[in-house]
Amino acid sequence: MKIVILIFAIMTGMGASIKKSATDLSEVKKRHELNEYRGYPNLLPEVEIVAPAA
């Protein structure tokens, strides 16, 4: 019975560790993507007016 409890505790700890690692990895990806955009001067689209003036 003690072995079953020990195995359950180990598996629970590993699951929590894997979940934390996945969360940290997704946060790092988001930060990295935001840091890539800092190099661009302006991300707004250019608009060209083609209608005749009234």
C-alpha atoms as a PDB file:
ATOM      1  CA  MET A   1       0.000   0.000   0.000  1.00  0.00           C
ATOM      2  CA  LYS A   2       2.865   2.369   0.785  1.00  0.00           C
ATOM      3  CA  ILE A   3       4.356   1.721  -2.646  1.00  0.00           C
ATOM      4  CA  VAL A   4       1.077   2.649  -4.353  1.00  0.00           C
ATOM      5  CA  ILE A   5       0.893   5.923  -2.430  1.00  0.00           C
ATOM      6  CA  LEU A   6       4.556   6.635  -3.229  1.00  0.00           C
ATOM      7  CA  ILE A   7       4.031   5.983  -6.951  1.00  0.00           C
ATOM      8  CA  PHE A   8       0.909   8.182  -6.941  1.00  0.00           C
ATOM      9  CA  ALA A   9       2.823  11.004  -5.247  1.00  0.00           C
ATOM     10  CA  ILE A  10       5.698  10.731  -7.728  1.00  0.00           C
ATOM     11  CA  MET A  11       3.343  10.769 -10.719  1.00  0.00           C
ATOM     12  CA  THR A  12       1.457  13.766  -9.322  1.00  0.00           C
ATOM     13  CA  GLY A  13       4.709  15.645  -8.816  1.00  0.00           C
ATOM     14  CA  MET A  14       5.894  14.843 -12.344  1.00  0.00           C
ATOM     15  CA  GLY A  15       2.552  15.957 -13.806  1.00  0.00           C
ATOM     16  CA  ALA A  16       2.718  19.264 -11.970  1.00  0.00           C
ATOM     17  CA  SER A  17       6.308  19.784 -13.104  1.00  0.00           C
ATOM     18  CA  ILE A  18       5.447  19.084 -16.752  1.00  0.00           C
ATOM     19  CA  LYS A  19       2.438  21.416 -16.610  1.00  0.00           C
ATOM     20  CA  LYS A  20       4.591  24.205 -15.118  1.00  0.00           C
ATOM     21  CA  SER A  21       7.234  23.699 -17.804  1.00  0.00           C
ATOM     22  CA  ALA A  22       4.623  23.922 -20.565  1.00  0.00           C
ATOM     23  CA  THR A  23       3.212  27.132 -19.081  1.00  0.00           C
ATOM     24  CA  ASP A  24       6.682  28.668 -18.786  1.00  0.00           C
ATOM     25  CA  LEU A  25       7.515  27.687 -22.365  1.00  0.00           C
ATOM     26  CA  SER A  26       4.375  29.362 -23.723  1.00  0.00           C
ATOM     27  CA  GLU A  27       5.154  32.557 -21.779  1.00  0.00           C
ATOM     28  CA  VAL A  28       8.712  32.601 -23.146  1.00  0.00           C
ATOM     29  CA  LYS A  29       7.359  32.204 -26.693  1.00  0.00           C
ATOM     30  CA  LYS A  30       4.979  35.141 -26.189  1.00  0.00           C
ATOM     31  CA  ARG A  31       7.756  37.355 -24.812  1.00  0.00           C
ATOM     32  CA  HIS A  32      10.082  36.393 -27.653  1.00  0.00           C
ATOM     33  CA  GLU A  33       7.445  37.247 -30.263  1.00  0.00           C
ATOM     34  CA  LEU A  34       6.779  40.637 -28.658  1.00  0.00           C
ATOM     35  CA  ASN A  35      10.514  41.376 -28.553  1.00  0.00           C
ATOM     36  CA  GLU A  36      10.764  40.665 -32.287  1.00  0.00           C
ATOM     37  CA  TYR A  37       8.199  43.395 -33.019  1.00  0.00           C
ATOM     38  CA  ARG A  38      10.240  46.059 -31.210  1.00  0.00           C
ATOM     39  CA  GLY A  39      12.634  46.216 -34.164  1.00  0.00           C
ATOM     40  CA  TYR A  40       9.922  47.378 -36.543  1.00  0.00           C
ATOM     41  CA  PRO A  41       9.305  51.152 -36.648  1.00  0.00           C
ATOM     42  CA  ASN A  42       5.576  50.995 -37.428  1.00  0.00           C
ATOM     43  CA  LEU A  43       3.249  48.051 -37.949  1.00  0.00           C
ATOM     44  CA  LEU A  44       0.253  50.050 -39.146  1.00  0.00           C
ATOM     45  CA  PRO A  45      -0.783  49.324 -42.733  1.00  0.00           C
ATOM     46  CA  GLU A  46      -0.275  51.962 -45.414  1.00  0.00           C
ATOM     47  CA  VAL A  47      -3.450  53.302 -47.005  1.00  0.00           C
ATOM     48  CA  GLU A  48      -3.428  54.722 -50.502  1.00  0.00           C
ATOM     49  CA  ILE A  49      -6.380  56.930 -51.451  1.00  0.00           C
ATOM     50  CA  VAL A  50      -7.454  56.218 -55.012  1.00  0.00           C
ATOM     51  CA  ALA A  51     -10.874  57.921 -55.092  1.00  0.00           C
ATOM     52  CA  PRO A  52     -11.187  61.198 -56.997  1.00  0.00           C
ATOM     53  CA  ALA A  53     -11.335  64.355 -54.913  1.00  0.00           C
ATOM     54  CA  ALA A  54     -14.861  65.738 -54.622  1.00  0.00           C
END
